[in-house]
Protein backbone atom coordinates (compact mmCIF):
# COMPACT_ATOMS: atom_id res chain seq x y z
CA MET A 1 62.01 25.30 -5.92
CA ILE A 2 58.12 24.37 -6.40
CA ALA A 3 57.81 27.91 -4.33
CA ALA A 4 60.51 29.78 -6.50
CA LEU A 5 58.59 28.07 -9.95
CA HIS A 6 55.53 29.73 -8.18
CA GLU A 7 56.57 33.15 -7.73
CA VAL A 8 58.10 33.27 -10.98
CA LEU A 9 55.14 32.67 -12.80
CA ARG A 10 52.55 34.97 -10.86
CA GLU A 11 55.17 37.73 -12.25
CA ARG A 12 54.87 35.87 -16.44
CA LEU A 13 50.95 35.56 -15.63
CA ALA A 14 50.57 39.16 -14.60
CA LEU A 15 51.40 39.61 -17.99
CA LEU A 16 48.15 38.60 -19.16
CA PRO A 17 44.64 40.33 -19.47
CA THR A 18 43.13 39.96 -15.86
CA ALA A 19 40.14 37.79 -17.59
CA ALA A 20 42.83 35.22 -18.53
CA ARG A 21 44.84 35.04 -15.08
CA LEU A 22 44.87 32.07 -13.18
CA GLU A 23 47.00 31.05 -9.64
CA PRO A 24 49.59 29.77 -10.40
CA ALA A 25 48.43 25.65 -8.56
CA GLU A 26 45.28 26.11 -11.77
CA LEU A 27 47.91 26.98 -14.27
CA LEU A 28 49.72 23.51 -13.30
CA ALA A 29 46.96 21.05 -12.03
CA ARG A 30 46.16 18.48 -14.04
CA ASP A 31 43.96 15.15 -13.17
CA ALA A 32 44.42 11.79 -14.08
CA PRO A 33 42.74 8.09 -13.19
CA GLY A 34 43.28 6.99 -10.21
CA GLY A 35 45.39 10.45 -9.42
CA LEU A 36 49.39 11.83 -9.93
CA ALA A 37 52.01 10.30 -7.41
CA PRO A 38 54.37 12.89 -6.09
CA PRO A 39 57.39 13.25 -9.02
CA ASP A 40 60.86 11.85 -7.85
CA ARG A 41 63.09 10.03 -10.04
CA ARG A 42 59.46 8.92 -11.57
CA SER A 43 57.62 11.51 -12.98
CA ALA A 44 53.94 11.85 -11.65
CA ASN A 45 51.87 10.22 -14.38
CA ARG A 46 55.12 7.40 -13.98
CA HIS A 47 55.80 7.08 -17.78
CA CYS A 48 58.82 9.18 -17.66
CA ARG A 49 61.82 8.51 -15.40
CA LEU A 50 65.17 9.80 -15.03
CA ILE A 51 67.88 7.05 -15.20
CA GLU A 52 72.25 7.25 -14.45
CA ALA A 53 74.09 5.96 -17.11
CA ALA A 54 77.86 4.66 -17.06
CA GLU A 55 78.38 8.89 -16.82
CA GLY A 56 75.68 11.45 -16.62
CA TRP A 57 71.49 11.25 -16.24
CA PHE A 58 69.55 11.26 -19.17
CA ALA A 59 65.24 11.23 -18.98
CA LEU A 60 63.22 8.61 -21.48
CA ASN A 61 59.46 9.06 -21.37
CA LEU A 62 57.32 5.68 -22.35
CA ALA A 63 53.97 7.12 -22.34
CA ARG A 64 52.96 5.23 -25.11
CA GLU A 65 52.46 1.79 -25.89
CA ASP A 66 54.91 1.87 -29.21
CA ASP A 67 57.24 3.46 -27.13
CA ARG A 68 57.88 0.70 -25.26
CA GLU A 69 57.45 -1.96 -28.07
CA LEU A 70 60.87 -0.38 -29.36
CA ILE A 71 63.43 -0.78 -26.20
CA PRO A 72 64.23 -4.61 -27.15
CA ALA A 73 65.90 -2.55 -30.38
CA LEU A 74 67.62 -0.20 -27.86
CA THR A 75 68.75 -2.12 -25.68
CA GLY A 76 68.61 -5.94 -26.99
CA CYS A 77 66.63 -7.38 -24.42
CA ASP A 78 63.92 -9.82 -24.79
CA PRO A 79 60.83 -8.95 -25.63
CA GLY A 80 58.89 -10.06 -22.43
CA ALA A 81 61.61 -8.14 -20.33
CA ASP A 82 60.76 -5.22 -18.19
CA VAL A 83 61.22 -2.59 -20.02
CA TRP A 84 62.18 -0.14 -17.32
CA GLU A 85 64.68 -3.09 -15.99
CA ALA A 86 66.39 -3.51 -19.16
CA VAL A 87 66.85 0.59 -19.92
CA ALA A 88 68.56 0.50 -16.76
CA ALA A 89 70.97 -2.26 -17.47
CA ALA A 90 71.71 -1.17 -21.07
CA ALA A 91 72.43 2.77 -19.28
CA ARG A 92 75.00 1.04 -17.11
CA SER A 93 77.68 0.35 -19.15
CA GLU A 94 77.13 3.21 -21.85
CA GLN A 95 77.61 6.97 -21.78
CA ALA A 96 74.54 9.12 -21.29
CA GLU A 97 74.59 11.10 -24.43
CA ASP A 98 75.76 8.33 -26.72
CA PHE A 99 72.05 6.15 -25.24
CA ALA A 100 70.17 9.03 -25.79
CA ALA A 101 71.47 9.53 -29.39
CA ARG A 102 70.69 5.87 -30.36
CA ALA A 103 66.83 6.62 -28.79
CA ILE A 104 66.68 9.92 -30.80
CA GLU A 105 67.28 7.79 -33.70
CA LEU A 106 64.39 5.17 -32.64
CA GLN A 107 61.94 8.40 -31.99
CA LEU A 108 61.88 7.59 -28.29
CA PRO A 109 61.12 10.58 -26.43
CA VAL A 110 64.42 11.19 -24.48
CA ALA A 111 66.50 13.85 -23.05
CA SER A 112 69.50 14.66 -21.45
CA PRO A 113 69.13 17.33 -18.64
CA GLY A 114 70.22 20.99 -19.17
CA GLU A 115 70.84 19.94 -22.69
CA ALA A 116 67.91 23.32 -24.68
CA ALA A 117 69.01 26.96 -24.75
CA PRO A 118 66.78 29.20 -23.25
CA LEU A 119 64.65 31.38 -25.35
CA PRO A 120 63.55 34.71 -25.08
CA LEU A 121 59.98 35.21 -23.30
CA GLU A 122 57.18 38.44 -24.17
CA SER A 123 58.03 40.91 -21.41
CA ARG A 124 55.19 43.22 -22.26
CA CYS A 125 51.78 42.93 -20.89
CA ALA A 126 49.04 41.85 -23.50
CA ALA A 127 45.78 43.11 -24.23
CA SER A 128 42.62 41.59 -24.79
CA ARG A 129 41.48 41.16 -28.32
CA SER A 130 37.83 40.34 -28.74
CA GLY A 131 36.82 39.02 -32.40
CA LEU A 132 40.36 37.52 -32.78
CA ARG A 133 39.22 34.47 -34.94
CA VAL A 134 41.60 31.28 -33.65
CA LEU A 135 41.93 27.30 -34.75
CA ASP A 136 43.06 25.33 -32.54
CA LEU A 137 44.72 22.25 -34.76
CA SER A 138 46.64 21.27 -31.28
CA ALA A 139 46.58 18.57 -28.59
CA LEU A 140 47.04 16.94 -25.06
CA TRP A 141 47.76 20.50 -23.06
CA ALA A 142 50.24 23.28 -24.88
CA GLY A 143 48.55 24.18 -27.12
CA PRO A 144 45.06 23.70 -25.86
CA LEU A 145 45.95 25.94 -23.07
CA CYS A 146 47.01 28.64 -25.36
CA ALA A 147 44.06 28.71 -26.96
CA GLY A 148 42.34 28.41 -23.82
CA LEU A 149 43.61 31.50 -22.55
CA LEU A 150 43.45 33.51 -25.54
CA ALA A 151 39.57 32.00 -25.60
CA ARG A 152 39.04 33.72 -21.79
CA VAL A 153 40.15 37.11 -23.34
CA GLY A 154 37.52 37.26 -25.59
CA ALA A 155 38.62 35.40 -29.02
CA GLU A 156 36.85 33.10 -30.99
CA VAL A 157 38.56 30.12 -30.58
CA THR A 158 36.99 26.78 -32.51
CA ARG A 159 39.24 23.39 -31.24
CA ILE A 160 39.41 20.97 -34.84
CA GLU A 161 38.70 17.20 -32.94
CA SER A 162 40.92 14.85 -35.47
CA THR A 163 38.23 12.02 -36.27
CA THR A 164 41.16 9.45 -37.23
CA ARG A 165 43.44 10.39 -34.07
CA PRO A 166 41.69 12.18 -31.14
CA ASP A 167 43.28 13.40 -28.41
CA PRO A 168 43.50 11.64 -25.53
CA THR A 169 42.77 14.54 -23.01
CA PRO A 170 38.97 14.12 -22.32
CA LEU A 171 39.26 10.57 -21.14
CA ALA A 172 42.43 11.01 -19.30
CA SER A 173 42.33 14.44 -17.74
CA PRO A 174 38.30 15.43 -17.97
CA LYS A 175 38.66 18.33 -15.77
CA LEU A 176 41.90 19.73 -17.20
CA ASP A 177 40.20 18.81 -20.78
CA ALA A 178 37.05 20.80 -19.20
CA MET A 179 39.48 24.08 -18.76
CA LEU A 180 41.26 23.89 -21.88
CA ASN A 181 38.60 23.39 -24.23
CA GLY A 182 35.29 24.34 -22.80
CA GLY A 183 34.88 27.98 -23.51
CA LYS A 184 35.41 26.25 -27.64
CA ARG A 185 33.35 25.87 -30.78
CA ARG A 186 34.59 22.34 -31.54
CA VAL A 187 34.77 21.37 -34.99
CA ALA A 188 34.77 16.82 -35.75
CA LEU A 189 36.99 16.99 -38.88
CA ASP A 190 39.27 14.32 -40.81
CA LEU A 191 42.43 15.97 -41.13
CA THR A 192 43.05 14.12 -44.42
CA ASP A 193 40.19 16.25 -45.84
CA ARG A 194 41.94 19.30 -46.65
CA GLU A 195 40.03 21.68 -48.69
CA ALA A 196 38.35 21.51 -45.68
CA LEU A 197 41.22 22.38 -43.21
CA LEU A 198 42.43 25.03 -45.55
CA ALA A 199 39.05 26.64 -45.31
CA LEU A 200 39.01 27.38 -41.68
CA VAL A 201 42.73 28.03 -41.67
CA ARG A 202 41.81 31.06 -44.19
CA THR A 203 39.25 32.23 -42.24
CA SER A 204 41.46 32.66 -39.12
CA ASP A 205 43.88 34.71 -37.16
CA VAL A 206 45.90 32.76 -35.42
CA LEU A 207 46.93 29.05 -35.77
CA ILE A 208 47.94 26.86 -33.01
CA SER A 209 49.64 23.73 -33.95
CA SER A 210 51.57 21.11 -31.74
CA ALA A 211 52.53 18.62 -34.68
CA ARG A 212 55.74 18.48 -36.04
CA ALA A 213 56.92 20.03 -39.56
CA PRO A 214 56.31 17.18 -41.39
CA ALA A 215 53.17 15.86 -40.62
CA LEU A 216 51.50 19.26 -41.02
CA ALA A 217 53.49 19.40 -44.71
CA ARG A 218 51.52 16.13 -45.63
CA LEU A 219 47.90 18.42 -44.20
CA GLY A 220 48.78 21.26 -47.02
CA LEU A 221 49.50 23.49 -43.78
CA ASP A 222 52.84 25.61 -45.19
CA PRO A 223 53.75 28.57 -43.03
CA GLY A 224 55.41 30.19 -46.00
CA ALA A 225 52.27 29.58 -47.84
CA LEU A 226 49.46 30.50 -45.77
CA LEU A 227 51.86 34.11 -44.69
CA ALA A 228 52.11 34.67 -48.08
CA GLU A 229 48.40 34.93 -48.60
CA ARG A 230 48.27 37.03 -45.11
CA ARG A 231 51.26 38.78 -43.98
CA ASP A 232 49.39 39.39 -40.59
CA PHE A 233 48.26 35.80 -40.18
CA VAL A 234 50.08 34.06 -36.95
CA TRP A 235 50.97 30.67 -36.88
CA ILE A 236 51.82 29.77 -32.91
CA ALA A 237 53.80 26.32 -33.78
CA ILE A 238 54.39 24.28 -30.43
CA THR A 239 56.57 21.23 -30.37
CA ALA A 240 58.94 19.58 -28.38
CA HIS A 241 62.37 20.39 -29.90
CA GLY A 242 61.92 23.21 -32.41
CA TRP A 243 59.91 23.74 -35.95
CA ASP A 244 63.10 22.48 -37.80
CA SER A 245 63.77 19.13 -35.35
CA ASP A 246 61.89 16.04 -36.01
CA ARG A 247 62.71 14.92 -32.25
CA VAL A 248 59.36 13.93 -30.28
CA GLY A 249 58.91 14.87 -26.91
CA PHE A 250 56.70 15.52 -24.00
CA GLY A 251 55.91 17.51 -20.63
CA ASP A 252 58.14 15.91 -18.50
CA ASP A 253 61.15 14.99 -20.82
CA CYS A 254 60.94 18.42 -22.52
CA ALA A 255 61.31 19.87 -18.76
CA VAL A 256 64.39 17.84 -17.99
CA ALA A 257 65.89 19.00 -21.56
CA GLY A 258 65.49 22.53 -20.46
CA GLY A 259 66.96 21.83 -17.08
CA LEU A 260 64.10 22.55 -14.76
CA VAL A 261 65.15 19.46 -12.06
CA GLY A 262 65.28 19.52 -8.86
CA GLU A 263 68.10 18.07 -6.50
CA GLY A 264 69.44 14.66 -7.37
CA PRO A 265 68.38 14.56 -10.38
CA ARG A 266 64.16 14.92 -9.52
CA PHE A 267 61.52 16.12 -11.77
CA LEU A 268 59.78 18.91 -10.24
CA GLY A 269 56.48 18.71 -11.20
CA ASP A 270 53.54 17.07 -13.51
CA ALA A 271 54.95 18.13 -16.85
CA LEU A 272 55.55 21.52 -16.70
CA ALA A 273 56.92 22.58 -20.03
CA ASP A 274 53.37 21.99 -21.44
CA PRO A 275 51.44 24.19 -19.00
CA LEU A 276 54.65 27.13 -19.15
CA THR A 277 54.71 26.78 -22.94
CA GLY A 278 50.93 27.23 -23.25
CA LEU A 279 51.08 30.15 -20.66
CA GLU A 280 54.15 31.71 -23.01
CA ALA A 281 52.45 30.96 -26.31
CA ALA A 282 49.68 32.86 -25.34
CA LEU A 283 51.12 35.94 -24.20
CA ALA A 284 53.50 35.85 -27.75
CA ALA A 285 50.42 35.39 -29.63
CA LEU A 286 48.47 38.35 -28.26
CA ARG A 287 51.77 40.63 -28.67
CA ARG A 288 52.22 39.75 -32.26
CA VAL A 289 48.47 40.64 -33.32
CA ALA A 290 48.54 43.29 -31.20
CA LEU A 291 51.54 44.33 -33.64
CA GLY A 292 49.61 43.75 -36.28
CA LYS A 293 52.76 40.97 -37.50
CA GLY A 294 52.18 37.99 -38.62
CA GLY A 295 54.68 35.27 -38.99
CA LEU A 296 55.58 31.96 -37.34
CA ILE A 297 56.06 31.79 -33.66
CA ASP A 298 58.39 28.73 -33.19
CA LEU A 299 58.32 27.78 -28.92
CA PRO A 300 59.87 24.54 -28.31
CA LEU A 301 58.95 23.28 -25.20
CA ALA A 302 62.29 22.04 -24.01
CA ARG A 303 63.49 25.70 -25.23
CA VAL A 304 60.59 27.52 -22.74
CA ALA A 305 61.65 24.88 -20.01
CA ALA A 306 65.26 26.12 -20.04
CA SER A 307 63.79 29.98 -20.33
CA TYR A 308 62.21 29.32 -17.11
CA ALA A 309 65.42 27.37 -15.30
CA ALA A 310 67.43 30.43 -16.22
CA MET A 311 64.63 32.41 -14.58
CA LEU A 312 65.27 30.29 -10.82
CA ARG A 313 68.60 30.43 -11.30
C-alpha cells in the first residue's frame, strides 16, 4: 500500500511548479532523536496506538505529557499505572465509539478509523508566484511544509516563532526543520502583542495557521474582519478536524480518522496526514492566488487523509 501511496503522491506533486517538486520519500521523511520505528499498531514515533475495544478500534495519541496525565480520568486507573495498559484494559469493556467520545470530551487526540469524509482536492497544475508575501503562523509539520513549498516557488515567507510557546520541531526533528523552514525569514514574537501580529498579517497576501479558531480569535485574528479589509487575502487554516471543530489531533490519529491505515489495522507511515495536508495546502494556496480570489481555505488533516485513502481504493 505504501508503494501505491507513492504513486498517488507523484501525481499530486506533479501539480506543483517544478521548483517545489519533491520525491514522495522526501515529502514523507522526518528525523527524530533515536530514529523512528517501523509502524505497526504503534505509530513510528510510538506516541499513538491503535487500540481494540469490545467492539471496534480507535487510535489514541499521547504525544503530550499533559494528555498522559488525563488517562486516570479517562480510564479510572491509579495515577501511577502504565497508561497504555490502562487504556487497553478500559477499552476491552466498551465500544470504540463510546470510548472515543469520552476521550474527545477530555480534549484528547483520538480517532475512529475512517470517520472523516474526503475533501475535494485541487486538480489543476499550480503556477509559480514570485513576490507573494506569506506569513507562516503554523507549527509542527503540515503548515510549515505548505509555507516551505511556497518559498521554493518564489514566495517571500516570514515565519513567526512564538517566544512563549516555541515550535518543538527544531529540537525534535532538526533536519525536517531545515527542510521546512530554511528558506524563510524568521521573526520571534510574543503572540500576545496583537498590534505587532496584526501588522504582519495585514502586510501579507497569504496567512498559514495551524491553531484552532478560538485560539486564533484570542490573538485578534478573525477571518471575517481580515477578508472584509482585503477580498484577495488568502487564509490557509490547517486543523485536525476542521475550522468549526474544537477537536485536537495530530498526523497519526488524523491519518486513522481518514481511513489511511493498513490491514489489521496498522499505521501505514509516520504521521501521514501532516505531509499530505502540507502539500495540498500549498496547491490550494497557489490556485486561489492565481484566481485572485481570497477566502478561508479549511484544510482538516483528517479529511485530507480521507481523500488520499479514497484514491488508494
